[in-house]
């Protein structure tokens, strides 16, 4: 994969030691300034390698096979100690480096790279800017059945010139 997605708040994480392969949701707690894939800038904070400690929604991935006991595996309590394979070129105001979809974390009870990103948290959003920057041919492929010339809403009207 040539291009990798940045991880955002709401990404799904999973640990290789989770007894039932449970997942948890990553929360960004180290800044409130940098957003990705969020046109309103309210939900999808960019996750960085500064998301250390208990930075998940439930802070548990069920029972941990790396913590056996006579009565069965002990409950997982997520405590991230370090992130690996981050974007070294992008540093944010919290001095953190952006997490990527293939970044991995270490838990204080696991081994290095035991927590992985199952879903980066970004979703495709069609915005007015996307429509403005697309040719009618592309739009007709993406949105077949929509006749843009019949629409009167200026937010979705396309001014297409042949000389471009």
C-alpha atoms as a PDB file:
ATOM      1  CA  UNK A   1       0.000   0.000   0.000  1.00  0.00           C
ATOM      2  CA  UNK A   2       1.688   3.179  -1.187  1.00  0.00           C
ATOM      3  CA  UNK A   3      -0.439   5.652   0.731  1.00  0.00           C
ATOM      4  CA  UNK A   4      -1.477   4.986   4.289  1.00  0.00           C
ATOM      5  CA  UNK A   5      -4.399   6.540   6.114  1.00  0.00           C
ATOM      6  CA  UNK A   6      -3.856   8.601   9.228  1.00  0.00           C
ATOM      7  CA  UNK A   7      -5.586   7.121  12.266  1.00  0.00           C
ATOM      8  CA  UNK A   8      -8.335   9.259  13.787  1.00  0.00           C
ATOM      9  CA  UNK A   9     -10.444   9.208  16.934  1.00  0.00           C
ATOM     10  CA  UNK A  10     -12.903   6.363  16.609  1.00  0.00           C
ATOM     11  CA  UNK A  11     -10.379   3.959  15.084  1.00  0.00           C
ATOM     12  CA  UNK A  12     -10.808   0.325  16.071  1.00  0.00           C
ATOM     13  CA  UNK A  13      -7.918  -1.433  17.844  1.00  0.00           C
ATOM     14  CA  UNK A  14      -7.345  -5.099  18.641  1.00  0.00           C
ATOM     15  CA  UNK A  15      -4.759  -7.002  20.678  1.00  0.00           C
ATOM     16  CA  UNK A  16      -3.265 -10.313  19.608  1.00  0.00           C
ATOM     17  CA  UNK A  17      -3.697 -11.523  23.202  1.00  0.00           C
ATOM     18  CA  UNK A  18      -7.444 -10.859  23.415  1.00  0.00           C
ATOM     19  CA  UNK A  19      -9.092 -14.182  24.253  1.00  0.00           C
ATOM     20  CA  UNK A  20     -12.153 -13.486  22.062  1.00  0.00           C
ATOM     21  CA  UNK A  21     -10.502 -11.103  19.555  1.00  0.00           C
ATOM     22  CA  UNK A  22     -12.437  -8.178  21.010  1.00  0.00           C
ATOM     23  CA  UNK A  23     -11.847  -4.640  19.812  1.00  0.00           C
ATOM     24  CA  UNK A  24     -11.959  -1.215  21.447  1.00  0.00           C
ATOM     25  CA  UNK A  25     -12.256   2.339  20.165  1.00  0.00           C
ATOM     26  CA  UNK A  26      -9.254   4.695  20.237  1.00  0.00           C
ATOM     27  CA  UNK A  27      -9.806   8.089  21.866  1.00  0.00           C
ATOM     28  CA  UNK A  28      -7.542  11.070  21.225  1.00  0.00           C
ATOM     29  CA  UNK A  29      -6.879  12.749  24.559  1.00  0.00           C
ATOM     30  CA  UNK A  30      -3.645  14.639  23.908  1.00  0.00           C
ATOM     31  CA  UNK A  31      -4.923  17.513  21.751  1.00  0.00           C
ATOM     32  CA  UNK A  32      -8.108  19.113  20.422  1.00  0.00           C
ATOM     33  CA  UNK A  33      -6.724  20.928  17.411  1.00  0.00           C
ATOM     34  CA  UNK A  34      -5.896  18.673  14.440  1.00  0.00           C
ATOM     35  CA  UNK A  35      -8.628  16.898  12.466  1.00  0.00           C
ATOM     36  CA  UNK A  36      -8.701  14.641   9.413  1.00  0.00           C
ATOM     37  CA  UNK A  37     -11.584  13.496   7.236  1.00  0.00           C
ATOM     38  CA  UNK A  38     -13.945  15.731   9.177  1.00  0.00           C
ATOM     39  CA  UNK A  39     -15.254  18.733   7.258  1.00  0.00           C
ATOM     40  CA  UNK A  40     -16.725  20.326  10.403  1.00  0.00           C
ATOM     41  CA  UNK A  41     -13.660  19.639  12.581  1.00  0.00           C
ATOM     42  CA  UNK A  42     -15.637  18.202  15.484  1.00  0.00           C
ATOM     43  CA  UNK A  43     -15.224  14.436  15.608  1.00  0.00           C
ATOM     44  CA  UNK A  44     -12.109  12.955  14.028  1.00  0.00           C
ATOM     45  CA  UNK A  45      -9.039  14.184  15.838  1.00  0.00           C
ATOM     46  CA  UNK A  46      -5.804  12.826  14.383  1.00  0.00           C
ATOM     47  CA  UNK A  47      -4.250  10.226  16.677  1.00  0.00           C
ATOM     48  CA  UNK A  48      -0.567  10.582  17.560  1.00  0.00           C
ATOM     49  CA  UNK A  49       2.065   8.518  19.313  1.00  0.00           C
ATOM     50  CA  UNK A  50       1.326  10.588  22.433  1.00  0.00           C
ATOM     51  CA  UNK A  51      -1.883   8.560  22.963  1.00  0.00           C
ATOM     52  CA  UNK A  52      -0.288   6.667  25.850  1.00  0.00           C
ATOM     53  CA  UNK A  53      -1.887   5.045  28.881  1.00  0.00           C
ATOM     54  CA  UNK A  54      -5.587   4.302  29.019  1.00  0.00           C
ATOM     55  CA  UNK A  55      -6.600   5.828  25.723  1.00  0.00           C
ATOM     56  CA  UNK A  56      -9.424   3.507  24.660  1.00  0.00           C
ATOM     57  CA  UNK A  57     -13.154   3.881  25.163  1.00  0.00           C
ATOM     58  CA  UNK A  58     -13.591   0.772  27.354  1.00  0.00           C
ATOM     59  CA  UNK A  59      -9.876   0.273  28.135  1.00  0.00           C
ATOM     60  CA  UNK A  60     -10.450  -3.445  27.873  1.00  0.00           C
ATOM     61  CA  UNK A  61     -10.284  -6.103  25.203  1.00  0.00           C
ATOM     62  CA  UNK A  62     -11.934  -8.848  27.243  1.00  0.00           C
ATOM     63  CA  UNK A  63      -9.680 -11.459  28.814  1.00  0.00           C
ATOM     64  CA  UNK A  64      -5.938 -11.424  28.179  1.00  0.00           C
ATOM     65  CA  UNK A  65      -4.266 -14.719  27.182  1.00  0.00           C
ATOM     66  CA  UNK A  66      -0.945 -13.163  28.213  1.00  0.00           C
ATOM     67  CA  UNK A  67      -2.209 -13.093  31.837  1.00  0.00           C
ATOM     68  CA  UNK A  68      -3.184 -16.663  32.724  1.00  0.00           C
ATOM     69  CA  UNK A  69      -4.317 -17.514  36.245  1.00  0.00           C
ATOM     70  CA  UNK A  70      -5.623 -20.696  37.917  1.00  0.00           C
ATOM     71  CA  UNK A  71      -9.194 -19.440  37.453  1.00  0.00           C
ATOM     72  CA  UNK A  72      -8.708 -18.461  33.782  1.00  0.00           C
ATOM     73  CA  UNK A  73      -7.241 -15.534  31.930  1.00  0.00           C
ATOM     74  CA  UNK A  74      -7.336 -12.228  33.776  1.00  0.00           C
ATOM     75  CA  UNK A  75      -9.301  -9.283  32.374  1.00  0.00           C
ATOM     76  CA  UNK A  76      -7.451  -7.000  29.984  1.00  0.00           C
ATOM     77  CA  UNK A  77      -6.811  -3.453  31.144  1.00  0.00           C
ATOM     78  CA  UNK A  78      -5.333  -1.535  28.223  1.00  0.00           C
ATOM     79  CA  UNK A  79      -2.354   0.589  29.135  1.00  0.00           C
ATOM     80  CA  UNK A  80      -0.446   1.617  25.990  1.00  0.00           C
ATOM     81  CA  UNK A  81       3.232   2.271  26.660  1.00  0.00           C
ATOM     82  CA  UNK A  82       4.532   3.011  23.141  1.00  0.00           C
ATOM     83  CA  UNK A  83       3.441   3.268  19.494  1.00  0.00           C
ATOM     84  CA  UNK A  84       5.559   1.960  16.608  1.00  0.00           C
ATOM     85  CA  UNK A  85       5.579   2.588  12.831  1.00  0.00           C
ATOM     86  CA  UNK A  86       4.289   6.154  13.047  1.00  0.00           C
ATOM     87  CA  UNK A  87       4.587   8.923  10.441  1.00  0.00           C
ATOM     88  CA  UNK A  88       7.963  10.431  11.319  1.00  0.00           C
ATOM     89  CA  UNK A  89       7.436  13.388   8.959  1.00  0.00           C
ATOM     90  CA  UNK A  90       4.267  14.758  10.564  1.00  0.00           C
ATOM     91  CA  UNK A  91       4.542  16.291  14.034  1.00  0.00           C
ATOM     92  CA  UNK A  92       1.599  18.063  15.665  1.00  0.00           C
ATOM     93  CA  UNK A  93       1.245  20.709  18.361  1.00  0.00           C
ATOM     94  CA  UNK A  94       1.322  18.042  21.098  1.00  0.00           C
ATOM     95  CA  UNK A  95       4.798  17.044  19.786  1.00  0.00           C
ATOM     96  CA  UNK A  96       3.217  13.781  18.633  1.00  0.00           C
ATOM     97  CA  UNK A  97       3.772  11.961  15.352  1.00  0.00           C
ATOM     98  CA  UNK A  98       0.716  10.826  13.403  1.00  0.00           C
ATOM     99  CA  UNK A  99      -0.391   7.215  13.787  1.00  0.00           C
ATOM    100  CA  UNK A 100      -0.862   5.314  10.535  1.00  0.00           C
ATOM    101  CA  UNK A 101      -3.212   2.462   9.728  1.00  0.00           C
ATOM    102  CA  UNK A 102      -0.354  -0.024  10.156  1.00  0.00           C
ATOM    103  CA  UNK A 103       0.966   1.488  13.413  1.00  0.00           C
ATOM    104  CA  UNK A 104       1.150  -0.869  16.373  1.00  0.00           C
ATOM    105  CA  UNK A 105       1.247  -0.343  20.118  1.00  0.00           C
ATOM    106  CA  UNK A 106       2.717  -2.094  23.116  1.00  0.00           C
ATOM    107  CA  UNK A 107       0.656  -2.704  26.237  1.00  0.00           C
ATOM    108  CA  UNK A 108       2.350  -2.887  29.617  1.00  0.00           C
ATOM    109  CA  UNK A 109       1.285  -6.560  29.852  1.00  0.00           C
ATOM    110  CA  UNK A 110       1.966  -7.557  26.267  1.00  0.00           C
ATOM    111  CA  UNK A 111       4.897  -7.742  23.964  1.00  0.00           C
ATOM    112  CA  UNK A 112       5.991  -5.052  21.508  1.00  0.00           C
ATOM    113  CA  UNK A 113       3.488  -4.452  18.717  1.00  0.00           C
ATOM    114  CA  UNK A 114       0.687  -6.504  20.307  1.00  0.00           C
ATOM    115  CA  UNK A 115      -2.064  -3.918  19.635  1.00  0.00           C
ATOM    116  CA  UNK A 116      -2.922  -3.210  16.007  1.00  0.00           C
ATOM    117  CA  UNK A 117      -5.278  -0.872  14.169  1.00  0.00           C
ATOM    118  CA  UNK A 118      -8.156  -2.839  12.648  1.00  0.00           C
ATOM    119  CA  UNK A 119      -9.858   0.218  11.129  1.00  0.00           C
ATOM    120  CA  UNK A 120      -8.255   3.672  10.832  1.00  0.00           C
ATOM    121  CA  UNK A 121     -11.558   5.477  11.533  1.00  0.00           C
ATOM    122  CA  UNK A 122     -11.741   7.600   8.406  1.00  0.00           C
ATOM    123  CA  UNK A 123     -14.748   7.417   6.109  1.00  0.00           C
ATOM    124  CA  UNK A 124     -15.400   8.780   2.642  1.00  0.00           C
ATOM    125  CA  UNK A 125     -17.327  12.050   2.692  1.00  0.00           C
ATOM    126  CA  UNK A 126     -18.698  13.713  -0.415  1.00  0.00           C
ATOM    127  CA  UNK A 127     -18.389  17.454   0.009  1.00  0.00           C
ATOM    128  CA  UNK A 128     -19.262  20.432  -2.154  1.00  0.00           C
ATOM    129  CA  UNK A 129     -15.560  20.849  -2.955  1.00  0.00           C
ATOM    130  CA  UNK A 130     -15.371  17.253  -4.262  1.00  0.00           C
ATOM    131  CA  UNK A 131     -18.233  17.938  -6.639  1.00  0.00           C
ATOM    132  CA  UNK A 132     -16.812  21.263  -7.794  1.00  0.00           C
ATOM    133  CA  UNK A 133     -13.479  19.627  -8.596  1.00  0.00           C
ATOM    134  CA  UNK A 134     -14.944  16.668 -10.514  1.00  0.00           C
ATOM    135  CA  UNK A 135     -15.790  16.446 -14.183  1.00  0.00           C
ATOM    136  CA  UNK A 136     -19.346  15.508 -15.241  1.00  0.00           C
ATOM    137  CA  UNK A 137     -18.029  12.204 -16.632  1.00  0.00           C
ATOM    138  CA  UNK A 138     -16.585  11.211 -13.250  1.00  0.00           C
ATOM    139  CA  UNK A 139     -19.712  12.317 -11.380  1.00  0.00           C
ATOM    140  CA  UNK A 140     -21.965  10.346 -13.708  1.00  0.00           C
ATOM    141  CA  UNK A 141     -19.900   7.230 -12.897  1.00  0.00           C
ATOM    142  CA  UNK A 142     -20.028   7.853  -9.149  1.00  0.00           C
ATOM    143  CA  UNK A 143     -23.638   9.049  -9.028  1.00  0.00           C
ATOM    144  CA  UNK A 144     -25.442   7.474 -11.996  1.00  0.00           C
ATOM    145  CA  UNK A 145     -29.014   8.658 -12.287  1.00  0.00           C
ATOM    146  CA  UNK A 146     -28.316  12.164 -10.995  1.00  0.00           C
ATOM    147  CA  UNK A 147     -28.688  14.749 -13.722  1.00  0.00           C
ATOM    148  CA  UNK A 148     -26.655  17.641 -12.397  1.00  0.00           C
ATOM    149  CA  UNK A 149     -27.890  20.034 -15.080  1.00  0.00           C
ATOM    150  CA  UNK A 150     -31.465  19.662 -13.750  1.00  0.00           C
ATOM    151  CA  UNK A 151     -30.509  20.622 -10.216  1.00  0.00           C
ATOM    152  CA  UNK A 152     -31.135  24.159  -9.093  1.00  0.00           C
ATOM    153  CA  UNK A 153     -29.246  23.955  -5.833  1.00  0.00           C
ATOM    154  CA  UNK A 154     -26.121  26.043  -6.413  1.00  0.00           C
ATOM    155  CA  UNK A 155     -24.209  24.030  -3.826  1.00  0.00           C
ATOM    156  CA  UNK A 156     -24.268  21.054  -6.143  1.00  0.00           C
ATOM    157  CA  UNK A 157     -24.249  22.783  -9.552  1.00  0.00           C
ATOM    158  CA  UNK A 158     -21.157  22.209 -11.632  1.00  0.00           C
ATOM    159  CA  UNK A 159     -19.662  24.811 -13.901  1.00  0.00           C
ATOM    160  CA  UNK A 160     -17.840  22.646 -16.398  1.00  0.00           C
ATOM    161  CA  UNK A 161     -15.840  24.295 -19.147  1.00  0.00           C
ATOM    162  CA  UNK A 162     -14.469  22.382 -22.100  1.00  0.00           C
ATOM    163  CA  UNK A 163     -11.247  24.432 -22.110  1.00  0.00           C
ATOM    164  CA  UNK A 164     -10.031  23.033 -18.767  1.00  0.00           C
END
